[in-house]
Amino acid sequence: MHEFDDAVLRCFLKNQGKLFPEEDVVSSLEEAENFLEECFAVVVNSVDEVWDYFEEEGIDMEGMEGDDILEADEVFDVGDGRYLIVEG
């Protein structure tokens, strides 16, 4: 089970529209934590780890290089060097 700290939860709460533009899926930190646990979201510590995750999961990255991967809808910049990856 992942432990999502407040920085990660706030990041998802604030930016969830990137992945779910139709409507907010969560409206509180508690809901955010439950949602992220249910969809097996992960927190990684670098852009390289984002690439590693996408490769391991077999996610299509054709045409992406370097920091392009951070533009993927599933990737959220926590703001402290970590990245939250949420598979919609």
PDB file of N, CA and C in Angstrom:
ATOM      1  N   MET A   1       0.836  -1.191   0.000  1.00  0.00           N
ATOM      2  CA  MET A   1       0.000   0.000   0.000  1.00  0.00           C
ATOM      3  C   MET A   1       0.878   1.250   0.000  1.00  0.00           C
ATOM      4  N   HIS A   2       0.531   2.181  -0.838  1.00  0.00           N
ATOM      5  CA  HIS A   2       1.319   3.410  -0.941  1.00  0.00           C
ATOM      6  C   HIS A   2       0.888   4.401   0.126  1.00  0.00           C
ATOM      7  N   GLU A   3       1.853   5.152   0.585  1.00  0.00           N
ATOM      8  CA  GLU A   3       1.542   6.259   1.478  1.00  0.00           C
ATOM      9  C   GLU A   3       1.660   7.533   0.654  1.00  0.00           C
ATOM     10  N   PHE A   4       0.559   8.223   0.504  1.00  0.00           N
ATOM     11  CA  PHE A   4       0.573   9.479  -0.231  1.00  0.00           C
ATOM     12  C   PHE A   4       0.564  10.618   0.774  1.00  0.00           C
ATOM     13  N   ASP A   5       1.612  11.454   0.746  1.00  0.00           N
ATOM     14  CA  ASP A   5       1.673  12.571   1.691  1.00  0.00           C
ATOM     15  C   ASP A   5       0.811  13.728   1.184  1.00  0.00           C
ATOM     16  N   ASP A   6       0.669  14.745   2.015  1.00  0.00           N
ATOM     17  CA  ASP A   6      -0.211  15.862   1.688  1.00  0.00           C
ATOM     18  C   ASP A   6       0.190  16.574   0.398  1.00  0.00           C
ATOM     19  N   ALA A   7       1.494  16.675   0.125  1.00  0.00           N
ATOM     20  CA  ALA A   7       1.935  17.351  -1.107  1.00  0.00           C
ATOM     21  C   ALA A   7       1.418  16.606  -2.334  1.00  0.00           C
ATOM     22  N   VAL A   8       1.482  15.285  -2.304  1.00  0.00           N
ATOM     23  CA  VAL A   8       1.010  14.470  -3.419  1.00  0.00           C
ATOM     24  C   VAL A   8      -0.511  14.592  -3.546  1.00  0.00           C
ATOM     25  N   LEU A   9      -1.217  14.509  -2.425  1.00  0.00           N
ATOM     26  CA  LEU A   9      -2.678  14.587  -2.448  1.00  0.00           C
ATOM     27  C   LEU A   9      -3.153  15.947  -2.946  1.00  0.00           C
ATOM     28  N   ARG A  10      -2.499  17.023  -2.478  1.00  0.00           N
ATOM     29  CA  ARG A  10      -2.872  18.365  -2.920  1.00  0.00           C
ATOM     30  C   ARG A  10      -2.620  18.538  -4.412  1.00  0.00           C
ATOM     31  N   CYS A  11      -1.516  17.993  -4.875  1.00  0.00           N
ATOM     32  CA  CYS A  11      -1.169  18.064  -6.299  1.00  0.00           C
ATOM     33  C   CYS A  11      -2.268  17.414  -7.134  1.00  0.00           C
ATOM     34  N   PHE A  12      -2.722  16.227  -6.731  1.00  0.00           N
ATOM     35  CA  PHE A  12      -3.751  15.548  -7.510  1.00  0.00           C
ATOM     36  C   PHE A  12      -5.083  16.285  -7.417  1.00  0.00           C
ATOM     37  N   LEU A  13      -5.431  16.728  -6.225  1.00  0.00           N
ATOM     38  CA  LEU A  13      -6.694  17.443  -6.026  1.00  0.00           C
ATOM     39  C   LEU A  13      -6.752  18.681  -6.922  1.00  0.00           C
ATOM     40  N   LYS A  14      -5.637  19.407  -6.972  1.00  0.00           N
ATOM     41  CA  LYS A  14      -5.578  20.657  -7.734  1.00  0.00           C
ATOM     42  C   LYS A  14      -5.540  20.412  -9.248  1.00  0.00           C
ATOM     43  N   ASN A  15      -4.897  19.330  -9.686  1.00  0.00           N
ATOM     44  CA  ASN A  15      -4.618  19.131 -11.110  1.00  0.00           C
ATOM     45  C   ASN A  15      -5.369  17.967 -11.747  1.00  0.00           C
ATOM     46  N   GLN A  16      -6.338  17.402 -11.045  1.00  0.00           N
ATOM     47  CA  GLN A  16      -7.028  16.216 -11.557  1.00  0.00           C
ATOM     48  C   GLN A  16      -7.688  16.445 -12.918  1.00  0.00           C
ATOM     49  N   GLY A  17      -8.031  17.687 -13.241  1.00  0.00           N
ATOM     50  CA  GLY A  17      -8.652  17.998 -14.518  1.00  0.00           C
ATOM     51  C   GLY A  17      -7.779  17.662 -15.716  1.00  0.00           C
ATOM     52  N   LYS A  18      -6.461  17.551 -15.497  1.00  0.00           N
ATOM     53  CA  LYS A  18      -5.542  17.181 -16.571  1.00  0.00           C
ATOM     54  C   LYS A  18      -5.878  15.780 -17.087  1.00  0.00           C
ATOM     55  N   LEU A  19      -6.234  14.887 -16.171  1.00  0.00           N
ATOM     56  CA  LEU A  19      -6.523  13.498 -16.535  1.00  0.00           C
ATOM     57  C   LEU A  19      -8.017  13.249 -16.681  1.00  0.00           C
ATOM     58  N   PHE A  20      -8.810  14.003 -15.926  1.00  0.00           N
ATOM     59  CA  PHE A  20     -10.268  13.831 -15.950  1.00  0.00           C
ATOM     60  C   PHE A  20     -10.939  15.176 -16.243  1.00  0.00           C
ATOM     61  N   PRO A  21     -10.888  15.627 -17.507  1.00  0.00           N
ATOM     62  CA  PRO A  21     -11.395  16.962 -17.822  1.00  0.00           C
ATOM     63  C   PRO A  21     -12.914  17.123 -17.678  1.00  0.00           C
ATOM     64  N   GLU A  22     -13.674  16.027 -17.768  1.00  0.00           N
ATOM     65  CA  GLU A  22     -15.126  16.150 -17.725  1.00  0.00           C
ATOM     66  C   GLU A  22     -15.624  16.624 -16.370  1.00  0.00           C
ATOM     67  N   GLU A  23     -15.047  16.065 -15.311  1.00  0.00           N
ATOM     68  CA  GLU A  23     -15.517  16.430 -13.973  1.00  0.00           C
ATOM     69  C   GLU A  23     -14.465  16.056 -12.940  1.00  0.00           C
ATOM     70  N   ASP A  24     -14.543  16.699 -11.782  1.00  0.00           N
ATOM     71  CA  ASP A  24     -13.635  16.343 -10.699  1.00  0.00           C
ATOM     72  C   ASP A  24     -14.021  14.973 -10.163  1.00  0.00           C
ATOM     73  N   VAL A  25     -13.027  14.139  -9.947  1.00  0.00           N
ATOM     74  CA  VAL A  25     -13.301  12.815  -9.390  1.00  0.00           C
ATOM     75  C   VAL A  25     -13.152  12.800  -7.875  1.00  0.00           C
ATOM     76  N   VAL A  26     -12.446  13.785  -7.338  1.00  0.00           N
ATOM     77  CA  VAL A  26     -12.293  13.895  -5.886  1.00  0.00           C
ATOM     78  C   VAL A  26     -12.472  15.347  -5.467  1.00  0.00           C
ATOM     79  N   SER A  27     -12.933  15.545  -4.215  1.00  0.00           N
ATOM     80  CA  SER A  27     -13.139  16.915  -3.749  1.00  0.00           C
ATOM     81  C   SER A  27     -12.491  17.176  -2.395  1.00  0.00           C
ATOM     82  N   SER A  28     -11.737  16.190  -1.877  1.00  0.00           N
ATOM     83  CA  SER A  28     -11.034  16.389  -0.603  1.00  0.00           C
ATOM     84  C   SER A  28      -9.750  15.568  -0.610  1.00  0.00           C
ATOM     85  N   LEU A  29      -8.871  15.864   0.339  1.00  0.00           N
ATOM     86  CA  LEU A  29      -7.622  15.111   0.430  1.00  0.00           C
ATOM     87  C   LEU A  29      -7.898  13.638   0.737  1.00  0.00           C
ATOM     88  N   GLU A  30      -8.899  13.386   1.578  1.00  0.00           N
ATOM     89  CA  GLU A  30      -9.233  12.000   1.920  1.00  0.00           C
ATOM     90  C   GLU A  30      -9.723  11.237   0.695  1.00  0.00           C
ATOM     91  N   GLU A  31     -10.598  11.869  -0.096  1.00  0.00           N
ATOM     92  CA  GLU A  31     -11.070  11.240  -1.326  1.00  0.00           C
ATOM     93  C   GLU A  31      -9.914  11.021  -2.297  1.00  0.00           C
ATOM     94  N   ALA A  32      -9.008  11.987  -2.367  1.00  0.00           N
ATOM     95  CA  ALA A  32      -7.847  11.860  -3.251  1.00  0.00           C
ATOM     96  C   ALA A  32      -7.013  10.653  -2.850  1.00  0.00           C
ATOM     97  N   GLU A  33      -6.778  10.488  -1.557  1.00  0.00           N
ATOM     98  CA  GLU A  33      -5.978   9.357  -1.083  1.00  0.00           C
ATOM     99  C   GLU A  33      -6.650   8.030  -1.436  1.00  0.00           C
ATOM    100  N   ASN A  34      -7.947   7.936  -1.186  1.00  0.00           N
ATOM    101  CA  ASN A  34      -8.677   6.709  -1.508  1.00  0.00           C
ATOM    102  C   ASN A  34      -8.633   6.414  -3.002  1.00  0.00           C
ATOM    103  N   PHE A  35      -8.848   7.444  -3.812  1.00  0.00           N
ATOM    104  CA  PHE A  35      -8.837   7.271  -5.268  1.00  0.00           C
ATOM    105  C   PHE A  35      -7.470   6.795  -5.748  1.00  0.00           C
ATOM    106  N   LEU A  36      -6.411   7.438  -5.266  1.00  0.00           N
ATOM    107  CA  LEU A  36      -5.063   7.087  -5.713  1.00  0.00           C
ATOM    108  C   LEU A  36      -4.697   5.663  -5.295  1.00  0.00           C
ATOM    109  N   GLU A  37      -5.146   5.254  -4.108  1.00  0.00           N
ATOM    110  CA  GLU A  37      -4.893   3.876  -3.671  1.00  0.00           C
ATOM    111  C   GLU A  37      -5.646   2.885  -4.551  1.00  0.00           C
ATOM    112  N   GLU A  38      -6.904   3.213  -4.886  1.00  0.00           N
ATOM    113  CA  GLU A  38      -7.723   2.308  -5.696  1.00  0.00           C
ATOM    114  C   GLU A  38      -7.163   2.117  -7.101  1.00  0.00           C
ATOM    115  N   CYS A  39      -6.583   3.157  -7.674  1.00  0.00           N
ATOM    116  CA  CYS A  39      -6.074   3.003  -9.044  1.00  0.00           C
ATOM    117  C   CYS A  39      -4.565   2.738  -9.067  1.00  0.00           C
ATOM    118  N   PHE A  40      -4.011   2.357  -7.931  1.00  0.00           N
ATOM    119  CA  PHE A  40      -2.605   1.958  -7.839  1.00  0.00           C
ATOM    120  C   PHE A  40      -1.652   3.010  -8.395  1.00  0.00           C
ATOM    121  N   ALA A  41      -1.928   4.273  -8.058  1.00  0.00           N
ATOM    122  CA  ALA A  41      -1.040   5.357  -8.459  1.00  0.00           C
ATOM    123  C   ALA A  41       0.321   5.161  -7.791  1.00  0.00           C
ATOM    124  N   VAL A  42       1.344   5.698  -8.414  1.00  0.00           N
ATOM    125  CA  VAL A  42       2.682   5.596  -7.849  1.00  0.00           C
ATOM    126  C   VAL A  42       3.348   6.966  -7.819  1.00  0.00           C
ATOM    127  N   VAL A  43       4.271   7.121  -6.882  1.00  0.00           N
ATOM    128  CA  VAL A  43       5.073   8.332  -6.788  1.00  0.00           C
ATOM    129  C   VAL A  43       6.511   7.932  -7.077  1.00  0.00           C
ATOM    130  N   VAL A  44       7.134   8.632  -8.018  1.00  0.00           N
ATOM    131  CA  VAL A  44       8.528   8.360  -8.360  1.00  0.00           C
ATOM    132  C   VAL A  44       9.353   9.619  -8.114  1.00  0.00           C
ATOM    133  N   ASN A  45      10.669   9.437  -8.066  1.00  0.00           N
ATOM    134  CA  ASN A  45      11.555  10.513  -7.620  1.00  0.00           C
ATOM    135  C   ASN A  45      12.307  11.247  -8.713  1.00  0.00           C
ATOM    136  N   SER A  46      12.076  10.888  -9.984  1.00  0.00           N
ATOM    137  CA  SER A  46      12.800  11.574 -11.052  1.00  0.00           C
ATOM    138  C   SER A  46      12.126  11.318 -12.396  1.00  0.00           C
ATOM    139  N   VAL A  47      12.526  12.102 -13.392  1.00  0.00           N
ATOM    140  CA  VAL A  47      12.031  11.909 -14.749  1.00  0.00           C
ATOM    141  C   VAL A  47      12.441  10.526 -15.252  1.00  0.00           C
ATOM    142  N   ASP A  48      13.651  10.097 -14.911  1.00  0.00           N
ATOM    143  CA  ASP A  48      14.112   8.763 -15.326  1.00  0.00           C
ATOM    144  C   ASP A  48      13.197   7.675 -14.785  1.00  0.00           C
ATOM    145  N   GLU A  49      12.734   7.832 -13.553  1.00  0.00           N
ATOM    146  CA  GLU A  49      11.828   6.833 -12.969  1.00  0.00           C
ATOM    147  C   GLU A  49      10.461   6.863 -13.646  1.00  0.00           C
ATOM    148  N   VAL A  50      10.036   8.048 -14.137  1.00  0.00           N
ATOM    149  CA  VAL A  50       8.793   8.118 -14.910  1.00  0.00           C
ATOM    150  C   VAL A  50       8.960   7.277 -16.175  1.00  0.00           C
ATOM    151  N   TRP A  51      10.093   7.469 -16.870  1.00  0.00           N
ATOM    152  CA  TRP A  51      10.367   6.679 -18.084  1.00  0.00           C
ATOM    153  C   TRP A  51      10.374   5.187 -17.768  1.00  0.00           C
ATOM    154  N   ASP A  52      11.054   4.810 -16.686  1.00  0.00           N
ATOM    155  CA  ASP A  52      11.134   3.396 -16.300  1.00  0.00           C
ATOM    156  C   ASP A  52       9.742   2.825 -16.072  1.00  0.00           C
ATOM    157  N   TYR A  53       8.904   3.567 -15.376  1.00  0.00           N
ATOM    158  CA  TYR A  53       7.545   3.112 -15.089  1.00  0.00           C
ATOM    159  C   TYR A  53       6.766   2.894 -16.388  1.00  0.00           C
ATOM    160  N   PHE A  54       6.809   3.880 -17.292  1.00  0.00           N
ATOM    161  CA  PHE A  54       6.078   3.771 -18.556  1.00  0.00           C
ATOM    162  C   PHE A  54       6.564   2.563 -19.360  1.00  0.00           C
ATOM    163  N   GLU A  55       7.893   2.332 -19.352  1.00  0.00           N
ATOM    164  CA  GLU A  55       8.439   1.177 -20.073  1.00  0.00           C
ATOM    165  C   GLU A  55       7.958  -0.128 -19.453  1.00  0.00           C
ATOM    166  N   GLU A  56       8.019  -0.229 -18.119  1.00  0.00           N
ATOM    167  CA  GLU A  56       7.590  -1.443 -17.420  1.00  0.00           C
ATOM    168  C   GLU A  56       6.115  -1.738 -17.655  1.00  0.00           C
ATOM    169  N   GLU A  57       5.294  -0.687 -17.719  1.00  0.00           N
ATOM    170  CA  GLU A  57       3.856  -0.864 -17.890  1.00  0.00           C
ATOM    171  C   GLU A  57       3.452  -1.004 -19.356  1.00  0.00           C
ATOM    172  N   GLY A  58       4.421  -0.839 -20.266  1.00  0.00           N
ATOM    173  CA  GLY A  58       4.132  -0.971 -21.686  1.00  0.00           C
ATOM    174  C   GLY A  58       3.274   0.160 -22.242  1.00  0.00           C
ATOM    175  N   ILE A  59       3.403   1.343 -21.647  1.00  0.00           N
ATOM    176  CA  ILE A  59       2.629   2.504 -22.099  1.00  0.00           C
ATOM    177  C   ILE A  59       3.315   3.107 -23.327  1.00  0.00           C
ATOM    178  N   ASP A  60       2.528   3.404 -24.352  1.00  0.00           N
ATOM    179  CA  ASP A  60       3.057   3.927 -25.614  1.00  0.00           C
ATOM    180  C   ASP A  60       3.710   5.292 -25.400  1.00  0.00           C
ATOM    181  N   MET A  61       4.985   5.383 -25.783  1.00  0.00           N
ATOM    182  CA  MET A  61       5.727   6.634 -25.618  1.00  0.00           C
ATOM    183  C   MET A  61       6.331   7.081 -26.941  1.00  0.00           C
ATOM    184  N   GLU A  62       5.777   6.591 -28.030  1.00  0.00           N
ATOM    185  CA  GLU A  62       6.320   6.894 -29.352  1.00  0.00           C
ATOM    186  C   GLU A  62       6.381   8.399 -29.580  1.00  0.00           C
ATOM    187  N   GLY A  63       7.538   8.844 -30.054  1.00  0.00           N
ATOM    188  CA  GLY A  63       7.718  10.256 -30.356  1.00  0.00           C
ATOM    189  C   GLY A  63       8.098  11.102 -29.151  1.00  0.00           C
ATOM    190  N   MET A  64       8.104  10.510 -27.957  1.00  0.00           N
ATOM    191  CA  MET A  64       8.479  11.269 -26.756  1.00  0.00           C
ATOM    192  C   MET A  64       9.955  11.092 -26.463  1.00  0.00           C
ATOM    193  N   GLU A  65      10.566  12.164 -25.952  1.00  0.00           N
ATOM    194  CA  GLU A  65      11.938  12.069 -25.484  1.00  0.00           C
ATOM    195  C   GLU A  65      12.155  13.088 -24.381  1.00  0.00           C
ATOM    196  N   GLY A  66      13.133  12.800 -23.529  1.00  0.00           N
ATOM    197  CA  GLY A  66      13.468  13.710 -22.439  1.00  0.00           C
ATOM    198  C   GLY A  66      12.281  14.056 -21.565  1.00  0.00           C
ATOM    199  N   ASP A  67      12.075  15.356 -21.354  1.00  0.00           N
ATOM    200  CA  ASP A  67      11.006  15.819 -20.469  1.00  0.00           C
ATOM    201  C   ASP A  67       9.626  15.765 -21.119  1.00  0.00           C
ATOM    202  N   ASP A  68       9.547  15.366 -22.405  1.00  0.00           N
ATOM    203  CA  ASP A  68       8.238  15.239 -23.067  1.00  0.00           C
ATOM    204  C   ASP A  68       7.298  14.360 -22.260  1.00  0.00           C
ATOM    205  N   ILE A  69       7.862  13.370 -21.598  1.00  0.00           N
ATOM    206  CA  ILE A  69       7.040  12.405 -20.861  1.00  0.00           C
ATOM    207  C   ILE A  69       6.216  13.093 -19.769  1.00  0.00           C
ATOM    208  N   LEU A  70       6.706  14.226 -19.288  1.00  0.00           N
ATOM    209  CA  LEU A  70       6.009  14.949 -18.218  1.00  0.00           C
ATOM    210  C   LEU A  70       4.723  15.591 -18.723  1.00  0.00           C
ATOM    211  N   GLU A  71       4.571  15.671 -20.051  1.00  0.00           N
ATOM    212  CA  GLU A  71       3.349  16.229 -20.636  1.00  0.00           C
ATOM    213  C   GLU A  71       2.218  15.193 -20.686  1.00  0.00           C
ATOM    214  N   ALA A  72       2.544  13.931 -20.452  1.00  0.00           N
ATOM    215  CA  ALA A  72       1.525  12.872 -20.481  1.00  0.00           C
ATOM    216  C   ALA A  72       0.452  13.174 -19.435  1.00  0.00           C
ATOM    217  N   ASP A  73      -0.804  12.918 -19.803  1.00  0.00           N
ATOM    218  CA  ASP A  73      -1.914  13.218 -18.895  1.00  0.00           C
ATOM    219  C   ASP A  73      -1.792  12.492 -17.557  1.00  0.00           C
ATOM    220  N   GLU A  74      -1.136  11.334 -17.570  1.00  0.00           N
ATOM    221  CA  GLU A  74      -1.034  10.524 -16.347  1.00  0.00           C
ATOM    222  C   GLU A  74       0.006  11.031 -15.358  1.00  0.00           C
ATOM    223  N   VAL A  75       0.853  11.967 -15.786  1.00  0.00           N
ATOM    224  CA  VAL A  75       1.989  12.409 -14.961  1.00  0.00           C
ATOM    225  C   VAL A  75       1.703  13.778 -14.341  1.00  0.00           C
ATOM    226  N   PHE A  76       1.846  13.836 -13.026  1.00  0.00           N
ATOM    227  CA  PHE A  76       1.622  15.081 -12.268  1.00  0.00           C
ATOM    228  C   PHE A  76       2.917  15.463 -11.558  1.00  0.00           C
ATOM    229  N   ASP A  77       3.369  16.687 -11.745  1.00  0.00           N
ATOM    230  CA  ASP A  77       4.567  17.194 -11.080  1.00  0.00           C
ATOM    231  C   ASP A  77       4.183  17.637  -9.667  1.00  0.00           C
ATOM    232  N   VAL A  78       4.683  16.925  -8.672  1.00  0.00           N
ATOM    233  CA  VAL A  78       4.346  17.248  -7.279  1.00  0.00           C
ATOM    234  C   VAL A  78       4.956  18.592  -6.879  1.00  0.00           C
ATOM    235  N   GLY A  79       6.065  18.959  -7.513  1.00  0.00           N
ATOM    236  CA  GLY A  79       6.666  20.263  -7.258  1.00  0.00           C
ATOM    237  C   GLY A  79       7.901  20.206  -6.383  1.00  0.00           C
ATOM    238  N   ASP A  80       8.241  19.003  -5.937  1.00  0.00           N
ATOM    239  CA  ASP A  80       9.422  18.871  -5.065  1.00  0.00           C
ATOM    240  C   ASP A  80      10.413  17.872  -5.659  1.00  0.00           C
ATOM    241  N   GLY A  81      10.320  17.685  -6.960  1.00  0.00           N
ATOM    242  CA  GLY A  81      11.211  16.728  -7.636  1.00  0.00           C
ATOM    243  C   GLY A  81      10.573  15.371  -7.827  1.00  0.00           C
ATOM    244  N   ARG A  82       9.412  15.151  -7.209  1.00  0.00           N
ATOM    245  CA  ARG A  82       8.706  13.873  -7.361  1.00  0.00           C
ATOM    246  C   ARG A  82       7.578  14.022  -8.371  1.00  0.00           C
ATOM    247  N   TYR A  83       7.175  12.887  -8.896  1.00  0.00           N
ATOM    248  CA  TYR A  83       6.095  12.854  -9.875  1.00  0.00           C
ATOM    249  C   TYR A  83       5.076  11.790  -9.473  1.00  0.00           C
ATOM    250  N   LEU A  84       3.829  12.142  -9.579  1.00  0.00           N
ATOM    251  CA  LEU A  84       2.722  11.217  -9.320  1.00  0.00           C
ATOM    252  C   LEU A  84       2.279  10.681 -10.675  1.00  0.00           C
ATOM    253  N   ILE A  85       2.136   9.353 -10.771  1.00  0.00           N
ATOM    254  CA  ILE A  85       1.657   8.739 -12.013  1.00  0.00           C
ATOM    255  C   ILE A  85       0.334   8.067 -11.704  1.00  0.00           C
ATOM    256  N   VAL A  86      -0.712   8.491 -12.416  1.00  0.00           N
ATOM    257  CA  VAL A  86      -2.058   7.977 -12.211  1.00  0.00           C
ATOM    258  C   VAL A  86      -2.564   7.429 -13.534  1.00  0.00           C
ATOM    259  N   GLU A  87      -2.878   6.150 -13.569  1.00  0.00           N
ATOM    260  CA  GLU A  87      -3.451   5.592 -14.789  1.00  0.00           C
ATOM    261  C   GLU A  87      -4.965   5.718 -14.712  1.00  0.00           C
ATOM    262  N   GLY A  88      -5.526   6.533 -15.617  1.00  0.00           N
ATOM    263  CA  GLY A  88      -6.955   6.785 -15.620  1.00  0.00           C
ATOM    264  C   GLY A  88      -7.689   5.548 -15.932  1.00  0.00           C
TER     265      GLY A  88
END
